[in-house]
């Protein structure tokens, strides 16, 4: 049997920039990295609407 820790590892995408400006390289990312979020725009709108409702006086 192979080393059991080998199957529990993951690899982060490559990064670009340094220090505070460091970020994942979008060219190195793929759907396998979990970068797809088709409902992001709808969620953003919903959260902003809820925040606006909370700010309105009763």
N, C-alpha and C. Protein backbone atom coordinates (compact mmCIF):
# COMPACT_ATOMS: atom_id res chain seq x y z
N UNK A 1 0.85 -1.19 0.00
CA UNK A 1 0.00 0.00 0.00
C UNK A 1 0.89 1.24 0.00
N UNK A 2 0.46 2.27 -0.72
CA UNK A 2 1.23 3.51 -0.76
C UNK A 2 1.02 4.32 0.52
N UNK A 3 1.77 5.37 0.64
CA UNK A 3 1.68 6.23 1.82
C UNK A 3 0.28 6.82 1.92
N UNK A 4 -0.46 6.62 3.03
CA UNK A 4 -1.83 7.13 3.15
C UNK A 4 -1.90 8.66 3.15
N UNK A 5 -0.82 9.33 3.47
CA UNK A 5 -0.84 10.80 3.46
C UNK A 5 -0.79 11.37 2.05
N UNK A 6 -0.35 10.57 1.08
CA UNK A 6 -0.26 11.06 -0.29
C UNK A 6 -1.63 11.41 -0.85
N UNK A 7 -2.66 10.65 -0.50
CA UNK A 7 -3.98 10.91 -1.07
C UNK A 7 -4.72 12.05 -0.35
N UNK A 8 -4.19 12.52 0.76
CA UNK A 8 -4.85 13.58 1.52
C UNK A 8 -4.26 14.95 1.24
N UNK A 9 -3.40 15.05 0.26
CA UNK A 9 -2.76 16.34 -0.01
C UNK A 9 -3.49 17.10 -1.09
N UNK A 10 -3.33 18.39 -1.07
CA UNK A 10 -3.88 19.24 -2.12
C UNK A 10 -2.80 20.24 -2.53
N UNK A 11 -2.98 20.84 -3.67
CA UNK A 11 -1.99 21.78 -4.17
C UNK A 11 -2.68 23.09 -4.52
N UNK A 12 -2.23 24.16 -3.94
CA UNK A 12 -2.79 25.47 -4.25
C UNK A 12 -2.31 25.93 -5.62
N UNK A 13 -3.12 26.72 -6.32
CA UNK A 13 -2.67 27.25 -7.61
C UNK A 13 -1.46 28.16 -7.44
N UNK A 14 -0.74 28.37 -8.51
CA UNK A 14 0.41 29.28 -8.48
C UNK A 14 -0.05 30.69 -8.11
N UNK A 15 0.84 31.48 -7.55
CA UNK A 15 0.51 32.85 -7.19
C UNK A 15 1.33 33.83 -8.02
N UNK A 16 0.80 35.03 -8.14
CA UNK A 16 1.52 36.13 -8.78
C UNK A 16 1.56 37.29 -7.80
N UNK A 17 2.54 38.14 -7.91
CA UNK A 17 2.70 39.26 -6.99
C UNK A 17 3.40 38.83 -5.72
N UNK A 18 3.69 39.82 -4.88
CA UNK A 18 4.38 39.55 -3.63
C UNK A 18 3.71 40.30 -2.49
N UNK A 19 3.90 39.79 -1.29
CA UNK A 19 3.39 40.46 -0.10
C UNK A 19 1.89 40.66 -0.13
N UNK A 20 1.44 41.89 0.15
CA UNK A 20 0.02 42.21 0.17
C UNK A 20 -0.63 42.05 -1.19
N UNK A 21 0.15 42.12 -2.25
CA UNK A 21 -0.39 42.04 -3.60
C UNK A 21 -0.39 40.61 -4.14
N UNK A 22 -0.02 39.65 -3.32
CA UNK A 22 0.00 38.26 -3.75
C UNK A 22 -1.42 37.76 -3.96
N UNK A 23 -1.64 37.06 -5.06
CA UNK A 23 -2.96 36.51 -5.37
C UNK A 23 -2.77 35.27 -6.22
N UNK A 24 -3.80 34.45 -6.31
CA UNK A 24 -3.72 33.26 -7.16
C UNK A 24 -3.67 33.68 -8.62
N UNK A 25 -2.89 32.97 -9.39
CA UNK A 25 -2.77 33.23 -10.82
C UNK A 25 -4.01 32.70 -11.52
N UNK A 26 -4.86 33.57 -12.09
CA UNK A 26 -6.08 33.10 -12.75
C UNK A 26 -5.81 32.16 -13.92
N UNK A 27 -4.65 32.31 -14.56
CA UNK A 27 -4.32 31.44 -15.69
C UNK A 27 -4.00 30.02 -15.23
N UNK A 28 -3.66 29.86 -13.96
CA UNK A 28 -3.32 28.54 -13.43
C UNK A 28 -4.53 27.84 -12.82
N UNK A 29 -5.65 28.55 -12.71
CA UNK A 29 -6.84 27.98 -12.07
C UNK A 29 -7.72 27.28 -13.11
N UNK A 30 -8.46 26.29 -12.63
CA UNK A 30 -9.35 25.53 -13.50
C UNK A 30 -10.62 25.18 -12.72
N UNK A 31 -11.63 24.64 -13.38
CA UNK A 31 -12.84 24.23 -12.65
C UNK A 31 -12.55 23.22 -11.53
N UNK A 32 -11.48 22.44 -11.67
CA UNK A 32 -11.13 21.49 -10.62
C UNK A 32 -10.70 22.20 -9.33
N UNK A 33 -10.32 23.46 -9.42
CA UNK A 33 -9.93 24.23 -8.24
C UNK A 33 -11.13 24.80 -7.51
N UNK A 34 -12.32 24.62 -8.07
CA UNK A 34 -13.52 25.13 -7.43
C UNK A 34 -13.70 26.62 -7.62
N UNK A 35 -13.26 27.13 -8.76
CA UNK A 35 -13.33 28.57 -9.00
C UNK A 35 -14.64 28.99 -9.65
N UNK A 36 -15.48 28.06 -10.03
CA UNK A 36 -16.75 28.40 -10.66
C UNK A 36 -17.81 28.63 -9.58
N UNK A 37 -18.53 29.73 -9.68
CA UNK A 37 -19.62 30.03 -8.76
C UNK A 37 -20.70 30.73 -9.56
N UNK A 38 -21.53 29.95 -10.27
CA UNK A 38 -22.52 30.54 -11.16
C UNK A 38 -23.56 31.41 -10.46
N UNK A 39 -23.80 31.22 -9.19
CA UNK A 39 -24.80 32.01 -8.48
C UNK A 39 -24.23 33.22 -7.76
N UNK A 40 -23.00 33.60 -8.06
CA UNK A 40 -22.35 34.69 -7.32
C UNK A 40 -23.08 36.01 -7.49
N UNK A 41 -23.48 36.35 -8.71
CA UNK A 41 -24.14 37.64 -8.95
C UNK A 41 -25.47 37.71 -8.20
N UNK A 42 -26.23 36.62 -8.22
CA UNK A 42 -27.52 36.60 -7.53
C UNK A 42 -27.33 36.70 -6.02
N UNK A 43 -26.34 36.00 -5.49
CA UNK A 43 -26.07 36.06 -4.06
C UNK A 43 -25.64 37.46 -3.66
N UNK A 44 -24.78 38.08 -4.45
CA UNK A 44 -24.31 39.44 -4.16
C UNK A 44 -25.50 40.41 -4.12
N UNK A 45 -26.40 40.29 -5.09
CA UNK A 45 -27.57 41.17 -5.13
C UNK A 45 -28.47 40.93 -3.93
N UNK A 46 -28.69 39.66 -3.58
CA UNK A 46 -29.54 39.33 -2.43
C UNK A 46 -28.95 39.90 -1.14
N UNK A 47 -27.66 39.73 -0.93
CA UNK A 47 -27.03 40.24 0.28
C UNK A 47 -27.08 41.76 0.35
N UNK A 48 -26.88 42.41 -0.78
CA UNK A 48 -26.95 43.87 -0.80
C UNK A 48 -28.37 44.36 -0.53
N UNK A 49 -29.37 43.66 -1.07
CA UNK A 49 -30.76 44.02 -0.82
C UNK A 49 -31.10 43.88 0.66
N UNK A 50 -30.63 42.79 1.27
CA UNK A 50 -30.88 42.58 2.70
C UNK A 50 -30.21 43.66 3.54
N UNK A 51 -29.03 44.07 3.14
CA UNK A 51 -28.31 45.11 3.88
C UNK A 51 -29.04 46.45 3.76
N UNK A 52 -29.55 46.75 2.58
CA UNK A 52 -30.31 47.99 2.38
C UNK A 52 -31.59 47.98 3.21
N UNK A 53 -32.27 46.83 3.26
CA UNK A 53 -33.50 46.71 4.06
C UNK A 53 -33.20 46.95 5.54
N UNK A 54 -32.08 46.46 6.01
CA UNK A 54 -31.72 46.61 7.42
C UNK A 54 -31.42 48.07 7.76
N UNK A 55 -30.98 48.85 6.78
CA UNK A 55 -30.64 50.25 7.02
C UNK A 55 -31.88 51.15 7.06
N UNK A 56 -32.98 50.72 6.44
CA UNK A 56 -34.19 51.54 6.38
C UNK A 56 -34.80 51.68 7.77
N UNK A 57 -35.27 52.90 8.09
CA UNK A 57 -35.92 53.08 9.40
C UNK A 57 -37.29 52.38 9.42
N UNK A 58 -37.67 51.93 10.58
CA UNK A 58 -38.93 51.18 10.72
C UNK A 58 -40.14 52.05 10.68
